[in-house]
Amino acid sequence: MAGLFHFSGWIRQIHNYLTGTLGIHVWASYAIFI
């Protein structure tokens, strides 16, 4: 369970990097994860 929580935090960091730093639209970030 602790590993899953760490993994979800890692995914959130990647999402924030894609949308915040690179300026990718939120839906495009979701599409990348899908």
PDB file of all heavy atoms in Angstrom:
ATOM      1  N   MET A   1       0.833  -1.198   0.000  1.00  0.00           N
ATOM      2  CA  MET A   1       0.000   0.000   0.000  1.00  0.00           C
ATOM      3  C   MET A   1       0.875   1.258   0.000  1.00  0.00           C
ATOM      4  O   MET A   1       0.602   2.219  -0.716  1.00  0.00           O
ATOM      5  CB  MET A   1      -0.923  -0.007   1.216  1.00  0.00           C
ATOM      6  CG  MET A   1      -1.861   1.171   1.275  1.00  0.00           C
ATOM      7  SD  MET A   1      -3.126   1.146   0.019  1.00  0.00           S
ATOM      8  CE  MET A   1      -4.246  -0.030   0.718  1.00  0.00           C
ATOM      9  N   ALA A   2       1.939   1.245   0.794  1.00  0.00           N
ATOM     10  CA  ALA A   2       2.865   2.382   0.823  1.00  0.00           C
ATOM     11  C   ALA A   2       3.490   2.581  -0.552  1.00  0.00           C
ATOM     12  O   ALA A   2       3.650   3.711  -1.016  1.00  0.00           O
ATOM     13  CB  ALA A   2       3.947   2.157   1.878  1.00  0.00           C
ATOM     14  N   GLY A   3       3.826   1.484  -1.229  1.00  0.00           N
ATOM     15  CA  GLY A   3       4.377   1.573  -2.576  1.00  0.00           C
ATOM     16  C   GLY A   3       3.398   2.202  -3.551  1.00  0.00           C
ATOM     17  O   GLY A   3       3.787   3.017  -4.401  1.00  0.00           O
ATOM     18  N   LEU A   4       2.118   1.854  -3.439  1.00  0.00           N
ATOM     19  CA  LEU A   4       1.101   2.448  -4.304  1.00  0.00           C
ATOM     20  C   LEU A   4       0.976   3.947  -4.066  1.00  0.00           C
ATOM     21  O   LEU A   4       0.811   4.724  -5.016  1.00  0.00           O
ATOM     22  CB  LEU A   4      -0.251   1.768  -4.091  1.00  0.00           C
ATOM     23  CG  LEU A   4      -0.399   0.373  -4.678  1.00  0.00           C
ATOM     24  CD1 LEU A   4      -1.740  -0.239  -4.273  1.00  0.00           C
ATOM     25  CD2 LEU A   4      -0.259   0.397  -6.185  1.00  0.00           C
ATOM     26  N   PHE A   5       1.049   4.372  -2.818  1.00  0.00           N
ATOM     27  CA  PHE A   5       0.980   5.798  -2.508  1.00  0.00           C
ATOM     28  C   PHE A   5       2.193   6.538  -3.084  1.00  0.00           C
ATOM     29  O   PHE A   5       2.057   7.646  -3.601  1.00  0.00           O
ATOM     30  CB  PHE A   5       0.878   6.025  -1.000  1.00  0.00           C
ATOM     31  CG  PHE A   5      -0.525   5.975  -0.481  1.00  0.00           C
ATOM     32  CD1 PHE A   5      -1.219   4.783  -0.396  1.00  0.00           C
ATOM     33  CD2 PHE A   5      -1.167   7.130  -0.073  1.00  0.00           C
ATOM     34  CE1 PHE A   5      -2.513   4.734   0.082  1.00  0.00           C
ATOM     35  CE2 PHE A   5      -2.463   7.091   0.403  1.00  0.00           C
ATOM     36  CZ  PHE A   5      -3.139   5.891   0.482  1.00  0.00           C
ATOM     37  N   HIS A   6       3.380   5.910  -3.003  1.00  0.00           N
ATOM     38  CA  HIS A   6       4.573   6.519  -3.592  1.00  0.00           C
ATOM     39  C   HIS A   6       4.424   6.610  -5.110  1.00  0.00           C
ATOM     40  O   HIS A   6       4.775   7.621  -5.721  1.00  0.00           O
ATOM     41  CB  HIS A   6       5.829   5.706  -3.260  1.00  0.00           C
ATOM     42  CG  HIS A   6       6.360   5.955  -1.898  1.00  0.00           C
ATOM     43  ND1 HIS A   6       6.870   7.163  -1.501  1.00  0.00           N
ATOM     44  CD2 HIS A   6       6.475   5.137  -0.830  1.00  0.00           C
ATOM     45  CE1 HIS A   6       7.274   7.091  -0.250  1.00  0.00           C
ATOM     46  NE2 HIS A   6       7.032   5.868   0.186  1.00  0.00           N
ATOM     47  N   PHE A   7       3.900   5.556  -5.711  1.00  0.00           N
ATOM     48  CA  PHE A   7       3.706   5.521  -7.157  1.00  0.00           C
ATOM     49  C   PHE A   7       2.730   6.606  -7.609  1.00  0.00           C
ATOM     50  O   PHE A   7       2.958   7.287  -8.611  1.00  0.00           O
ATOM     51  CB  PHE A   7       3.214   4.132  -7.576  1.00  0.00           C
ATOM     52  CG  PHE A   7       3.055   3.958  -9.054  1.00  0.00           C
ATOM     53  CD1 PHE A   7       4.159   4.007  -9.890  1.00  0.00           C
ATOM     54  CD2 PHE A   7       1.810   3.738  -9.609  1.00  0.00           C
ATOM     55  CE1 PHE A   7       4.023   3.848 -11.263  1.00  0.00           C
ATOM     56  CE2 PHE A   7       1.654   3.583 -10.974  1.00  0.00           C
ATOM     57  CZ  PHE A   7       2.768   3.637 -11.813  1.00  0.00           C
ATOM     58  N   SER A   8       1.646   6.788  -6.851  1.00  0.00           N
ATOM     59  CA  SER A   8       0.681   7.828  -7.219  1.00  0.00           C
ATOM     60  C   SER A   8       1.306   9.221  -7.103  1.00  0.00           C
ATOM     61  O   SER A   8       1.021  10.102  -7.918  1.00  0.00           O
ATOM     62  CB  SER A   8      -0.585   7.731  -6.358  1.00  0.00           C
ATOM     63  OG  SER A   8      -0.320   8.096  -5.028  1.00  0.00           O
ATOM     64  N   GLY A   9       2.166   9.426  -6.130  1.00  0.00           N
ATOM     65  CA  GLY A   9       2.871  10.700  -6.008  1.00  0.00           C
ATOM     66  C   GLY A   9       3.809  10.936  -7.183  1.00  0.00           C
ATOM     67  O   GLY A   9       3.936  12.057  -7.693  1.00  0.00           O
ATOM     68  N   TRP A  10       4.453   9.866  -7.637  1.00  0.00           N
ATOM     69  CA  TRP A  10       5.349   9.944  -8.784  1.00  0.00           C
ATOM     70  C   TRP A  10       4.561  10.306 -10.052  1.00  0.00           C
ATOM     71  O   TRP A  10       4.997  11.149 -10.845  1.00  0.00           O
ATOM     72  CB  TRP A  10       6.066   8.607  -8.925  1.00  0.00           C
ATOM     73  CG  TRP A  10       7.094   8.539  -9.992  1.00  0.00           C
ATOM     74  CD1 TRP A  10       8.291   9.203 -10.031  1.00  0.00           C
ATOM     75  CD2 TRP A  10       7.023   7.756 -11.178  1.00  0.00           C
ATOM     76  NE1 TRP A  10       8.959   8.868 -11.172  1.00  0.00           N
ATOM     77  CE2 TRP A  10       8.210   7.979 -11.890  1.00  0.00           C
ATOM     78  CE3 TRP A  10       6.082   6.882 -11.694  1.00  0.00           C
ATOM     79  CZ2 TRP A  10       8.472   7.368 -13.103  1.00  0.00           C
ATOM     80  CZ3 TRP A  10       6.346   6.271 -12.898  1.00  0.00           C
ATOM     81  CH2 TRP A  10       7.524   6.514 -13.593  1.00  0.00           C
ATOM     82  N   ILE A  11       3.404   9.686 -10.222  1.00  0.00           N
ATOM     83  CA  ILE A  11       2.551   9.988 -11.382  1.00  0.00           C
ATOM     84  C   ILE A  11       2.097  11.456 -11.330  1.00  0.00           C
ATOM     85  O   ILE A  11       2.089  12.143 -12.351  1.00  0.00           O
ATOM     86  CB  ILE A  11       1.350   9.027 -11.440  1.00  0.00           C
ATOM     87  CG1 ILE A  11       1.833   7.639 -11.847  1.00  0.00           C
ATOM     88  CG2 ILE A  11       0.278   9.525 -12.407  1.00  0.00           C
ATOM     89  CD1 ILE A  11       0.769   6.569 -11.793  1.00  0.00           C
ATOM     90  N   ARG A  12       1.733  11.929 -10.154  1.00  0.00           N
ATOM     91  CA  ARG A  12       1.320  13.327 -10.008  1.00  0.00           C
ATOM     92  C   ARG A  12       2.462  14.276 -10.380  1.00  0.00           C
ATOM     93  O   ARG A  12       2.238  15.308 -11.024  1.00  0.00           O
ATOM     94  CB  ARG A  12       0.861  13.607  -8.588  1.00  0.00           C
ATOM     95  CG  ARG A  12       0.347  15.035  -8.421  1.00  0.00           C
ATOM     96  CD  ARG A  12      -0.137  15.338  -7.040  1.00  0.00           C
ATOM     97  NE  ARG A  12      -1.131  14.361  -6.626  1.00  0.00           N
ATOM     98  CZ  ARG A  12      -1.290  13.941  -5.377  1.00  0.00           C
ATOM     99  NH1 ARG A  12      -0.536  14.432  -4.424  1.00  0.00           N
ATOM    100  NH2 ARG A  12      -2.203  13.054  -5.077  1.00  0.00           N
ATOM    101  N   GLN A  13       3.692  13.947  -9.980  1.00  0.00           N
ATOM    102  CA  GLN A  13       4.836  14.781 -10.331  1.00  0.00           C
ATOM    103  C   GLN A  13       5.048  14.822 -11.845  1.00  0.00           C
ATOM    104  O   GLN A  13       5.337  15.876 -12.409  1.00  0.00           O
ATOM    105  CB  GLN A  13       6.104  14.274  -9.650  1.00  0.00           C
ATOM    106  CG  GLN A  13       6.161  14.559  -8.175  1.00  0.00           C
ATOM    107  CD  GLN A  13       7.405  13.969  -7.542  1.00  0.00           C
ATOM    108  OE1 GLN A  13       8.062  13.092  -8.092  1.00  0.00           O
ATOM    109  NE2 GLN A  13       7.729  14.458  -6.353  1.00  0.00           N
ATOM    110  N   ILE A  14       4.904  13.677 -12.504  1.00  0.00           N
ATOM    111  CA  ILE A  14       5.045  13.636 -13.964  1.00  0.00           C
ATOM    112  C   ILE A  14       3.953  14.466 -14.621  1.00  0.00           C
ATOM    113  O   ILE A  14       4.218  15.243 -15.543  1.00  0.00           O
ATOM    114  CB  ILE A  14       5.015  12.174 -14.473  1.00  0.00           C
ATOM    115  CG1 ILE A  14       6.258  11.428 -14.007  1.00  0.00           C
ATOM    116  CG2 ILE A  14       4.910  12.138 -16.001  1.00  0.00           C
ATOM    117  CD1 ILE A  14       6.228   9.946 -14.293  1.00  0.00           C
ATOM    118  N   HIS A  15       2.727  14.331 -14.136  1.00  0.00           N
ATOM    119  CA  HIS A  15       1.610  15.110 -14.680  1.00  0.00           C
ATOM    120  C   HIS A  15       1.872  16.610 -14.510  1.00  0.00           C
ATOM    121  O   HIS A  15       1.673  17.393 -15.452  1.00  0.00           O
ATOM    122  CB  HIS A  15       0.304  14.708 -14.000  1.00  0.00           C
ATOM    123  CG  HIS A  15      -0.871  15.552 -14.374  1.00  0.00           C
ATOM    124  ND1 HIS A  15      -1.474  15.466 -15.611  1.00  0.00           N
ATOM    125  CD2 HIS A  15      -1.545  16.502 -13.691  1.00  0.00           C
ATOM    126  CE1 HIS A  15      -2.465  16.325 -15.667  1.00  0.00           C
ATOM    127  NE2 HIS A  15      -2.531  16.967 -14.506  1.00  0.00           N
ATOM    128  N   ASN A  16       2.332  17.019 -13.328  1.00  0.00           N
ATOM    129  CA  ASN A  16       2.634  18.436 -13.088  1.00  0.00           C
ATOM    130  C   ASN A  16       3.766  18.930 -13.980  1.00  0.00           C
ATOM    131  O   ASN A  16       3.746  20.068 -14.453  1.00  0.00           O
ATOM    132  CB  ASN A  16       2.976  18.676 -11.616  1.00  0.00           C
ATOM    133  CG  ASN A  16       1.772  18.540 -10.717  1.00  0.00           C
ATOM    134  OD1 ASN A  16       0.633  18.630 -11.166  1.00  0.00           O
ATOM    135  ND2 ASN A  16       2.016  18.302  -9.445  1.00  0.00           N
ATOM    136  N   TYR A  17       4.752  18.076 -14.231  1.00  0.00           N
ATOM    137  CA  TYR A  17       5.845  18.443 -15.130  1.00  0.00           C
ATOM    138  C   TYR A  17       5.324  18.637 -16.554  1.00  0.00           C
ATOM    139  O   TYR A  17       5.667  19.616 -17.228  1.00  0.00           O
ATOM    140  CB  TYR A  17       6.938  17.372 -15.100  1.00  0.00           C
ATOM    141  CG  TYR A  17       8.051  17.621 -16.083  1.00  0.00           C
ATOM    142  CD1 TYR A  17       9.001  18.599 -15.844  1.00  0.00           C
ATOM    143  CD2 TYR A  17       8.129  16.884 -17.263  1.00  0.00           C
ATOM    144  CE1 TYR A  17      10.024  18.841 -16.750  1.00  0.00           C
ATOM    145  CE2 TYR A  17       9.141  17.126 -18.175  1.00  0.00           C
ATOM    146  CZ  TYR A  17      10.088  18.100 -17.916  1.00  0.00           C
ATOM    147  OH  TYR A  17      11.084  18.339 -18.817  1.00  0.00           O
ATOM    148  N   LEU A  18       4.493  17.686 -17.005  1.00  0.00           N
ATOM    149  CA  LEU A  18       3.960  17.770 -18.367  1.00  0.00           C
ATOM    150  C   LEU A  18       3.092  19.016 -18.552  1.00  0.00           C
ATOM    151  O   LEU A  18       3.211  19.715 -19.557  1.00  0.00           O
ATOM    152  CB  LEU A  18       3.147  16.516 -18.707  1.00  0.00           C
ATOM    153  CG  LEU A  18       3.942  15.215 -18.854  1.00  0.00           C
ATOM    154  CD1 LEU A  18       2.984  14.034 -19.023  1.00  0.00           C
ATOM    155  CD2 LEU A  18       4.915  15.299 -20.012  1.00  0.00           C
ATOM    156  N   THR A  19       2.229  19.286 -17.586  1.00  0.00           N
ATOM    157  CA  THR A  19       1.298  20.411 -17.739  1.00  0.00           C
ATOM    158  C   THR A  19       1.914  21.751 -17.342  1.00  0.00           C
ATOM    159  O   THR A  19       1.683  22.748 -18.002  1.00  0.00           O
ATOM    160  CB  THR A  19       0.018  20.175 -16.916  1.00  0.00           C
ATOM    161  OG1 THR A  19       0.364  19.992 -15.546  1.00  0.00           O
ATOM    162  CG2 THR A  19      -0.759  18.983 -17.440  1.00  0.00           C
ATOM    163  N   GLY A  20       2.695  21.765 -16.287  1.00  0.00           N
ATOM    164  CA  GLY A  20       3.251  23.019 -15.787  1.00  0.00           C
ATOM    165  C   GLY A  20       4.510  23.453 -16.502  1.00  0.00           C
ATOM    166  O   GLY A  20       4.602  24.560 -17.026  1.00  0.00           O
ATOM    167  N   THR A  21       5.498  22.572 -16.557  1.00  0.00           N
ATOM    168  CA  THR A  21       6.791  22.926 -17.127  1.00  0.00           C
ATOM    169  C   THR A  21       6.768  22.916 -18.654  1.00  0.00           C
ATOM    170  O   THR A  21       7.247  23.848 -19.292  1.00  0.00           O
ATOM    171  CB  THR A  21       7.882  21.962 -16.610  1.00  0.00           C
ATOM    172  OG1 THR A  21       7.846  21.962 -15.178  1.00  0.00           O
ATOM    173  CG2 THR A  21       9.258  22.392 -17.079  1.00  0.00           C
ATOM    174  N   LEU A  22       6.213  21.837 -19.212  1.00  0.00           N
ATOM    175  CA  LEU A  22       6.207  21.721 -20.672  1.00  0.00           C
ATOM    176  C   LEU A  22       5.014  22.423 -21.327  1.00  0.00           C
ATOM    177  O   LEU A  22       4.997  22.605 -22.528  1.00  0.00           O
ATOM    178  CB  LEU A  22       6.223  20.249 -21.089  1.00  0.00           C
ATOM    179  CG  LEU A  22       7.463  19.439 -20.664  1.00  0.00           C
ATOM    180  CD1 LEU A  22       7.357  18.010 -21.157  1.00  0.00           C
ATOM    181  CD2 LEU A  22       8.741  20.096 -21.181  1.00  0.00           C
ATOM    182  N   GLY A  23       4.010  22.755 -20.540  1.00  0.00           N
ATOM    183  CA  GLY A  23       2.857  23.476 -21.069  1.00  0.00           C
ATOM    184  C   GLY A  23       1.885  22.628 -21.869  1.00  0.00           C
ATOM    185  O   GLY A  23       1.088  23.152 -22.650  1.00  0.00           O
ATOM    186  N   ILE A  24       1.937  21.327 -21.675  1.00  0.00           N
ATOM    187  CA  ILE A  24       1.013  20.431 -22.376  1.00  0.00           C
ATOM    188  C   ILE A  24      -0.366  20.567 -21.749  1.00  0.00           C
ATOM    189  O   ILE A  24      -0.490  20.681 -20.521  1.00  0.00           O
ATOM    190  CB  ILE A  24       1.522  18.976 -22.305  1.00  0.00           C
ATOM    191  CG1 ILE A  24       2.836  18.847 -23.054  1.00  0.00           C
ATOM    192  CG2 ILE A  24       0.490  18.004 -22.842  1.00  0.00           C
ATOM    193  CD1 ILE A  24       3.483  17.485 -22.934  1.00  0.00           C
ATOM    194  N   HIS A  25      -1.411  20.545 -22.561  1.00  0.00           N
ATOM    195  CA  HIS A  25      -2.787  20.636 -22.057  1.00  0.00           C
ATOM    196  C   HIS A  25      -3.079  19.435 -21.151  1.00  0.00           C
ATOM    197  O   HIS A  25      -2.555  18.338 -21.358  1.00  0.00           O
ATOM    198  CB  HIS A  25      -3.772  20.676 -23.229  1.00  0.00           C
ATOM    199  CG  HIS A  25      -5.149  21.061 -22.809  1.00  0.00           C
ATOM    200  ND1 HIS A  25      -6.067  20.140 -22.368  1.00  0.00           N
ATOM    201  CD2 HIS A  25      -5.761  22.275 -22.735  1.00  0.00           C
ATOM    202  CE1 HIS A  25      -7.181  20.759 -22.042  1.00  0.00           C
ATOM    203  NE2 HIS A  25      -7.023  22.063 -22.270  1.00  0.00           N
ATOM    204  N   VAL A  26      -3.929  19.648 -20.148  1.00  0.00           N
ATOM    205  CA  VAL A  26      -4.258  18.605 -19.169  1.00  0.00           C
ATOM    206  C   VAL A  26      -4.767  17.345 -19.857  1.00  0.00           C
ATOM    207  O   VAL A  26      -4.358  16.226 -19.520  1.00  0.00           O
ATOM    208  CB  VAL A  26      -5.299  19.137 -18.153  1.00  0.00           C
ATOM    209  CG1 VAL A  26      -5.789  18.023 -17.252  1.00  0.00           C
ATOM    210  CG2 VAL A  26      -4.700  20.258 -17.319  1.00  0.00           C
ATOM    211  N   TRP A  27      -5.656  17.500 -20.823  1.00  0.00           N
ATOM    212  CA  TRP A  27      -6.219  16.324 -21.507  1.00  0.00           C
ATOM    213  C   TRP A  27      -5.161  15.584 -22.303  1.00  0.00           C
ATOM    214  O   TRP A  27      -5.214  14.353 -22.419  1.00  0.00           O
ATOM    215  CB  TRP A  27      -7.400  16.724 -22.387  1.00  0.00           C
ATOM    216  CG  TRP A  27      -8.573  17.089 -21.556  1.00  0.00           C
ATOM    217  CD1 TRP A  27      -9.052  18.337 -21.292  1.00  0.00           C
ATOM    218  CD2 TRP A  27      -9.396  16.189 -20.807  1.00  0.00           C
ATOM    219  NE1 TRP A  27     -10.122  18.282 -20.444  1.00  0.00           N
ATOM    220  CE2 TRP A  27     -10.366  16.961 -20.123  1.00  0.00           C
ATOM    221  CE3 TRP A  27      -9.426  14.817 -20.629  1.00  0.00           C
ATOM    222  CZ2 TRP A  27     -11.321  16.422 -19.305  1.00  0.00           C
ATOM    223  CZ3 TRP A  27     -10.391  14.257 -19.812  1.00  0.00           C
ATOM    224  CH2 TRP A  27     -11.323  15.050 -19.158  1.00  0.00           C
ATOM    225  N   ALA A  28      -4.178  16.292 -22.837  1.00  0.00           N
ATOM    226  CA  ALA A  28      -3.084  15.634 -23.545  1.00  0.00           C
ATOM    227  C   ALA A  28      -2.242  14.810 -22.568  1.00  0.00           C
ATOM    228  O   ALA A  28      -1.794  13.711 -22.901  1.00  0.00           O
ATOM    229  CB  ALA A  28      -2.223  16.668 -24.261  1.00  0.00           C
ATOM    230  N   SER A  29      -2.054  15.338 -21.367  1.00  0.00           N
ATOM    231  CA  SER A  29      -1.334  14.589 -20.340  1.00  0.00           C
ATOM    232  C   SER A  29      -2.088  13.303 -19.985  1.00  0.00           C
ATOM    233  O   SER A  29      -1.486  12.237 -19.859  1.00  0.00           O
ATOM    234  CB  SER A  29      -1.146  15.450 -19.095  1.00  0.00           C
ATOM    235  OG  SER A  29      -0.577  14.708 -18.051  1.00  0.00           O
ATOM    236  N   TYR A  30      -3.412  13.414 -19.840  1.00  0.00           N
ATOM    237  CA  TYR A  30      -4.216  12.218 -19.573  1.00  0.00           C
ATOM    238  C   TYR A  30      -4.075  11.212 -20.703  1.00  0.00           C
ATOM    239  O   TYR A  30      -3.969  10.001 -20.471  1.00  0.00           O
ATOM    240  CB  TYR A  30      -5.690  12.587 -19.393  1.00  0.00           C
ATOM    241  CG  TYR A  30      -5.998  13.402 -18.160  1.00  0.00           C
ATOM    242  CD1 TYR A  30      -7.154  14.166 -18.101  1.00  0.00           C
ATOM    243  CD2 TYR A  30      -5.161  13.414 -17.059  1.00  0.00           C
ATOM    244  CE1 TYR A  30      -7.460  14.925 -16.985  1.00  0.00           C
ATOM    245  CE2 TYR A  30      -5.453  14.168 -15.934  1.00  0.00           C
ATOM    246  CZ  TYR A  30      -6.610  14.922 -15.908  1.00  0.00           C
ATOM    247  OH  TYR A  30      -6.909  15.662 -14.807  1.00  0.00           O
ATOM    248  N   ALA A  31      -4.082  11.704 -21.936  1.00  0.00           N
ATOM    249  CA  ALA A  31      -3.943  10.815 -23.096  1.00  0.00           C
ATOM    250  C   ALA A  31      -2.594  10.101 -23.073  1.00  0.00           C
ATOM    251  O   ALA A  31      -2.510   8.913 -23.406  1.00  0.00           O
ATOM    252  CB  ALA A  31      -4.114  11.613 -24.388  1.00  0.00           C
ATOM    253  N   ILE A  32      -1.545  10.817 -22.675  1.00  0.00           N
ATOM    254  CA  ILE A  32      -0.221  10.193 -22.575  1.00  0.00           C
ATOM    255  C   ILE A  32      -0.243   9.066 -21.542  1.00  0.00           C
ATOM    256  O   ILE A  32       0.286   7.978 -21.786  1.00  0.00           O
ATOM    257  CB  ILE A  32       0.846  11.261 -22.226  1.00  0.00           C
ATOM    258  CG1 ILE A  32       1.053  12.196 -23.417  1.00  0.00           C
ATOM    259  CG2 ILE A  32       2.160  10.606 -21.798  1.00  0.00           C
ATOM    260  CD1 ILE A  32       1.894  13.416 -23.099  1.00  0.00           C
ATOM    261  N   PHE A  33      -0.885   9.299 -20.389  1.00  0.00           N
ATOM    262  CA  PHE A  33      -0.965   8.256 -19.359  1.00  0.00           C
ATOM    263  C   PHE A  33      -1.808   7.074 -19.823  1.00  0.00           C
ATOM    264  O   PHE A  33      -1.483   5.919 -19.538  1.00  0.00           O
ATOM    265  CB  PHE A  33      -1.504   8.832 -18.044  1.00  0.00           C
ATOM    266  CG  PHE A  33      -0.472   9.574 -17.255  1.00  0.00           C
ATOM    267  CD1 PHE A  33      -0.501  10.948 -17.154  1.00  0.00           C
ATOM    268  CD2 PHE A  33       0.553   8.892 -16.614  1.00  0.00           C
ATOM    269  CE1 PHE A  33       0.455  11.640 -16.431  1.00  0.00           C
ATOM    270  CE2 PHE A  33       1.519   9.565 -15.888  1.00  0.00           C
ATOM    271  CZ  PHE A  33       1.471  10.945 -15.806  1.00  0.00           C
ATOM    272  N   ILE A  34      -2.886   7.340 -20.537  1.00  0.00           N
ATOM    273  CA  ILE A  34      -3.717   6.255 -21.072  1.00  0.00           C
ATOM    274  C   ILE A  34      -2.918   5.425 -22.064  1.00  0.00           C
ATOM    275  O   ILE A  34      -2.925   4.188 -22.006  1.00  0.00           O
ATOM    276  CB  ILE A  34      -5.004   6.827 -21.721  1.00  0.00           C
ATOM    277  CG1 ILE A  34      -5.919   7.398 -20.641  1.00  0.00           C
ATOM    278  CG2 ILE A  34      -5.726   5.762 -22.546  1.00  0.00           C
ATOM    279  CD1 ILE A  34      -7.083   8.212 -21.174  1.00  0.00           C
TER     280      ILE A  34
END
